[in-house]
Amino acid sequence: MQWTREQYEAYERRNAQARAIKARNLRLSSPQPEPDVRNEPLVKEEAARPDTRRRVSVTSYRVRLCDPDNLCVKPFVDALRYSGVIVDDTTEDIQLTVNQFKVKTRREERTVIEVI
């Protein structure tokens, strides 16, 4: 398709206006700072904690039970470690229990994480 000079200039004016509006909107909206993401606990560890071993229990309630090796709890335990709820996820620091129970409806499905 061949454009005439008038069509092309009209097209450029519309694009220039759209770019100006977009630039103005970007200037008006305050940018949100990026979160500082690190793989370390949010809470500082205390120097001497007498009882650091925690019991972590992950219980899954499902309509269809998973194979025992497919019920992955690693993301939950890592989230507890990163947030400072547990010191570390080694066997010296936590006692991990994983359970699953059958429920009748999808509305009853849930995952319960307990730290004792």
C-alpha atoms as a PDB file:
ATOM      1  CA  MET A   1       0.000   0.000   0.000  1.00  0.00           C
ATOM      2  CA  GLN A   2       1.358   3.404  -0.934  1.00  0.00           C
ATOM      3  CA  TRP A   3       0.713   6.284   1.425  1.00  0.00           C
ATOM      4  CA  THR A   4       0.436   9.852   0.407  1.00  0.00           C
ATOM      5  CA  ARG A   5       2.512  12.425   2.205  1.00  0.00           C
ATOM      6  CA  GLU A   6      -0.606  13.705   4.021  1.00  0.00           C
ATOM      7  CA  GLN A   7      -1.525  10.204   5.234  1.00  0.00           C
ATOM      8  CA  TYR A   8       2.002   9.584   6.466  1.00  0.00           C
ATOM      9  CA  GLU A   9       2.172  12.930   8.295  1.00  0.00           C
ATOM     10  CA  ALA A  10      -1.210  12.279   9.942  1.00  0.00           C
ATOM     11  CA  TYR A  11       0.032   8.851  11.003  1.00  0.00           C
ATOM     12  CA  GLU A  12       3.212  10.355  12.490  1.00  0.00           C
ATOM     13  CA  ARG A  13       1.220  13.025  14.374  1.00  0.00           C
ATOM     14  CA  ARG A  14      -1.012  10.375  15.980  1.00  0.00           C
ATOM     15  CA  ASN A  15       2.018   8.276  16.973  1.00  0.00           C
ATOM     16  CA  ALA A  16       3.827  11.335  18.365  1.00  0.00           C
ATOM     17  CA  GLN A  17       0.770  12.198  20.471  1.00  0.00           C
ATOM     18  CA  ALA A  18       0.509   8.646  21.734  1.00  0.00           C
ATOM     19  CA  ARG A  19       4.218   8.577  22.626  1.00  0.00           C
ATOM     20  CA  ALA A  20       3.894  11.905  24.465  1.00  0.00           C
ATOM     21  CA  ILE A  21       0.909  10.662  26.483  1.00  0.00           C
ATOM     22  CA  LYS A  22       2.728   7.449  27.350  1.00  0.00           C
ATOM     23  CA  ALA A  23       5.863   9.336  28.414  1.00  0.00           C
ATOM     24  CA  ARG A  24       3.793  11.718  30.540  1.00  0.00           C
ATOM     25  CA  ASN A  25       2.014   8.820  32.244  1.00  0.00           C
ATOM     26  CA  LEU A  26       5.332   7.154  32.964  1.00  0.00           C
ATOM     27  CA  ARG A  27       6.679  10.327  34.526  1.00  0.00           C
ATOM     28  CA  LEU A  28       3.545  10.756  36.667  1.00  0.00           C
ATOM     29  CA  SER A  29       3.587   7.235  38.041  1.00  0.00           C
ATOM     30  CA  SER A  30       6.224   6.764  40.684  1.00  0.00           C
ATOM     31  CA  PRO A  31       8.307   3.690  40.005  1.00  0.00           C
ATOM     32  CA  GLN A  32       8.242   1.001  42.690  1.00  0.00           C
ATOM     33  CA  PRO A  33      11.686  -0.025  43.907  1.00  0.00           C
ATOM     34  CA  GLU A  34      12.678  -3.587  43.144  1.00  0.00           C
ATOM     35  CA  PRO A  35      12.624  -5.825  46.217  1.00  0.00           C
ATOM     36  CA  ASP A  36      16.011  -6.898  47.494  1.00  0.00           C
ATOM     37  CA  VAL A  37      15.808 -10.641  46.909  1.00  0.00           C
ATOM     38  CA  ARG A  38      18.443 -12.754  48.577  1.00  0.00           C
ATOM     39  CA  ASN A  39      18.693 -16.333  49.691  1.00  0.00           C
ATOM     40  CA  GLU A  40      19.226 -15.605  53.354  1.00  0.00           C
ATOM     41  CA  PRO A  41      16.879 -15.433  56.345  1.00  0.00           C
ATOM     42  CA  LEU A  42      14.951 -12.214  56.897  1.00  0.00           C
ATOM     43  CA  VAL A  43      15.414 -12.526  60.651  1.00  0.00           C
ATOM     44  CA  LYS A  44      18.962 -12.438  61.996  1.00  0.00           C
ATOM     45  CA  GLU A  45      20.034 -15.570  63.821  1.00  0.00           C
ATOM     46  CA  GLU A  46      20.604 -15.225  67.527  1.00  0.00           C
ATOM     47  CA  ALA A  47      24.081 -16.079  68.786  1.00  0.00           C
ATOM     48  CA  ALA A  48      23.119 -18.699  71.365  1.00  0.00           C
ATOM     49  CA  ARG A  49      19.731 -20.335  71.106  1.00  0.00           C
ATOM     50  CA  PRO A  50      19.476 -23.357  73.383  1.00  0.00           C
ATOM     51  CA  ASP A  51      16.687 -25.148  71.476  1.00  0.00           C
ATOM     52  CA  THR A  52      17.003 -24.598  67.747  1.00  0.00           C
ATOM     53  CA  ARG A  53      15.575 -27.954  66.620  1.00  0.00           C
ATOM     54  CA  ARG A  54      12.025 -27.504  65.355  1.00  0.00           C
ATOM     55  CA  ARG A  55       9.384 -29.991  64.312  1.00  0.00           C
ATOM     56  CA  VAL A  56       7.958 -29.104  60.902  1.00  0.00           C
ATOM     57  CA  SER A  57       4.818 -30.935  59.879  1.00  0.00           C
ATOM     58  CA  VAL A  58       3.374 -30.609  56.367  1.00  0.00           C
ATOM     59  CA  THR A  59      -0.080 -32.145  55.990  1.00  0.00           C
ATOM     60  CA  SER A  60      -1.818 -32.248  52.634  1.00  0.00           C
ATOM     61  CA  TYR A  61      -5.545 -32.870  52.327  1.00  0.00           C
ATOM     62  CA  ARG A  62      -6.383 -34.062  48.790  1.00  0.00           C
ATOM     63  CA  VAL A  63      -9.186 -35.638  46.803  1.00  0.00           C
ATOM     64  CA  ARG A  64      -6.660 -37.814  44.957  1.00  0.00           C
ATOM     65  CA  LEU A  65      -3.683 -38.824  47.046  1.00  0.00           C
ATOM     66  CA  CYS A  66      -0.216 -38.352  45.537  1.00  0.00           C
ATOM     67  CA  ASP A  67       2.470 -40.960  45.343  1.00  0.00           C
ATOM     68  CA  PRO A  68       4.695 -40.578  48.417  1.00  0.00           C
ATOM     69  CA  ASP A  69       7.606 -39.341  46.309  1.00  0.00           C
ATOM     70  CA  ASN A  70       5.483 -36.761  44.450  1.00  0.00           C
ATOM     71  CA  LEU A  71       4.330 -34.775  47.469  1.00  0.00           C
ATOM     72  CA  CYS A  72       7.148 -32.210  47.333  1.00  0.00           C
ATOM     73  CA  VAL A  73       7.542 -30.079  50.464  1.00  0.00           C
ATOM     74  CA  LYS A  74      10.929 -28.514  49.667  1.00  0.00           C
ATOM     75  CA  PRO A  75       9.472 -25.115  48.621  1.00  0.00           C
ATOM     76  CA  PHE A  76       7.578 -24.889  51.925  1.00  0.00           C
ATOM     77  CA  VAL A  77      10.631 -25.711  54.027  1.00  0.00           C
ATOM     78  CA  ASP A  78      12.810 -23.281  52.036  1.00  0.00           C
ATOM     79  CA  ALA A  79      10.231 -20.519  52.532  1.00  0.00           C
ATOM     80  CA  LEU A  80      10.307 -21.154  56.297  1.00  0.00           C
ATOM     81  CA  ARG A  81      14.102 -20.921  56.248  1.00  0.00           C
ATOM     82  CA  TYR A  82      14.213 -17.737  54.136  1.00  0.00           C
ATOM     83  CA  SER A  83      11.656 -16.030  56.367  1.00  0.00           C
ATOM     84  CA  GLY A  84      13.638 -16.919  59.503  1.00  0.00           C
ATOM     85  CA  VAL A  85      11.031 -19.208  61.076  1.00  0.00           C
ATOM     86  CA  ILE A  86      13.592 -22.025  61.154  1.00  0.00           C
ATOM     87  CA  VAL A  87      17.366 -21.614  61.365  1.00  0.00           C
ATOM     88  CA  ASP A  88      18.249 -24.114  58.645  1.00  0.00           C
ATOM     89  CA  ASP A  89      16.677 -27.075  56.875  1.00  0.00           C
ATOM     90  CA  THR A  90      19.262 -29.662  57.891  1.00  0.00           C
ATOM     91  CA  THR A  91      18.372 -32.759  59.906  1.00  0.00           C
ATOM     92  CA  GLU A  92      20.129 -31.237  62.932  1.00  0.00           C
ATOM     93  CA  ASP A  93      17.783 -28.242  62.850  1.00  0.00           C
ATOM     94  CA  ILE A  94      14.387 -29.703  61.916  1.00  0.00           C
ATOM     95  CA  GLN A  95      12.415 -32.892  62.248  1.00  0.00           C
ATOM     96  CA  LEU A  96      10.263 -33.069  59.102  1.00  0.00           C
ATOM     97  CA  THR A  97       6.972 -34.968  58.994  1.00  0.00           C
ATOM     98  CA  VAL A  98       4.936 -35.254  55.789  1.00  0.00           C
ATOM     99  CA  ASN A  99       1.360 -36.597  55.809  1.00  0.00           C
ATOM    100  CA  GLN A 100      -1.537 -36.672  53.409  1.00  0.00           C
ATOM    101  CA  PHE A 101      -5.180 -37.435  53.967  1.00  0.00           C
ATOM    102  CA  LYS A 102      -8.035 -38.089  51.582  1.00  0.00           C
ATOM    103  CA  VAL A 103     -10.984 -35.661  51.533  1.00  0.00           C
ATOM    104  CA  LYS A 104     -14.276 -35.918  49.672  1.00  0.00           C
ATOM    105  CA  THR A 105     -14.469 -32.577  47.825  1.00  0.00           C
ATOM    106  CA  ARG A 106     -12.026 -30.168  46.173  1.00  0.00           C
ATOM    107  CA  ARG A 107     -13.320 -27.435  48.466  1.00  0.00           C
ATOM    108  CA  GLU A 108     -11.786 -29.306  51.393  1.00  0.00           C
ATOM    109  CA  GLU A 109      -8.332 -29.542  49.747  1.00  0.00           C
ATOM    110  CA  ARG A 110      -5.621 -27.646  51.591  1.00  0.00           C
ATOM    111  CA  THR A 111      -2.066 -27.846  52.863  1.00  0.00           C
ATOM    112  CA  VAL A 112      -1.338 -27.239  56.542  1.00  0.00           C
ATOM    113  CA  ILE A 113       2.182 -26.359  57.690  1.00  0.00           C
ATOM    114  CA  GLU A 114       2.905 -26.516  61.429  1.00  0.00           C
ATOM    115  CA  VAL A 115       6.147 -25.496  63.121  1.00  0.00           C
ATOM    116  CA  ILE A 116       6.533 -26.582  66.739  1.00  0.00           C
END
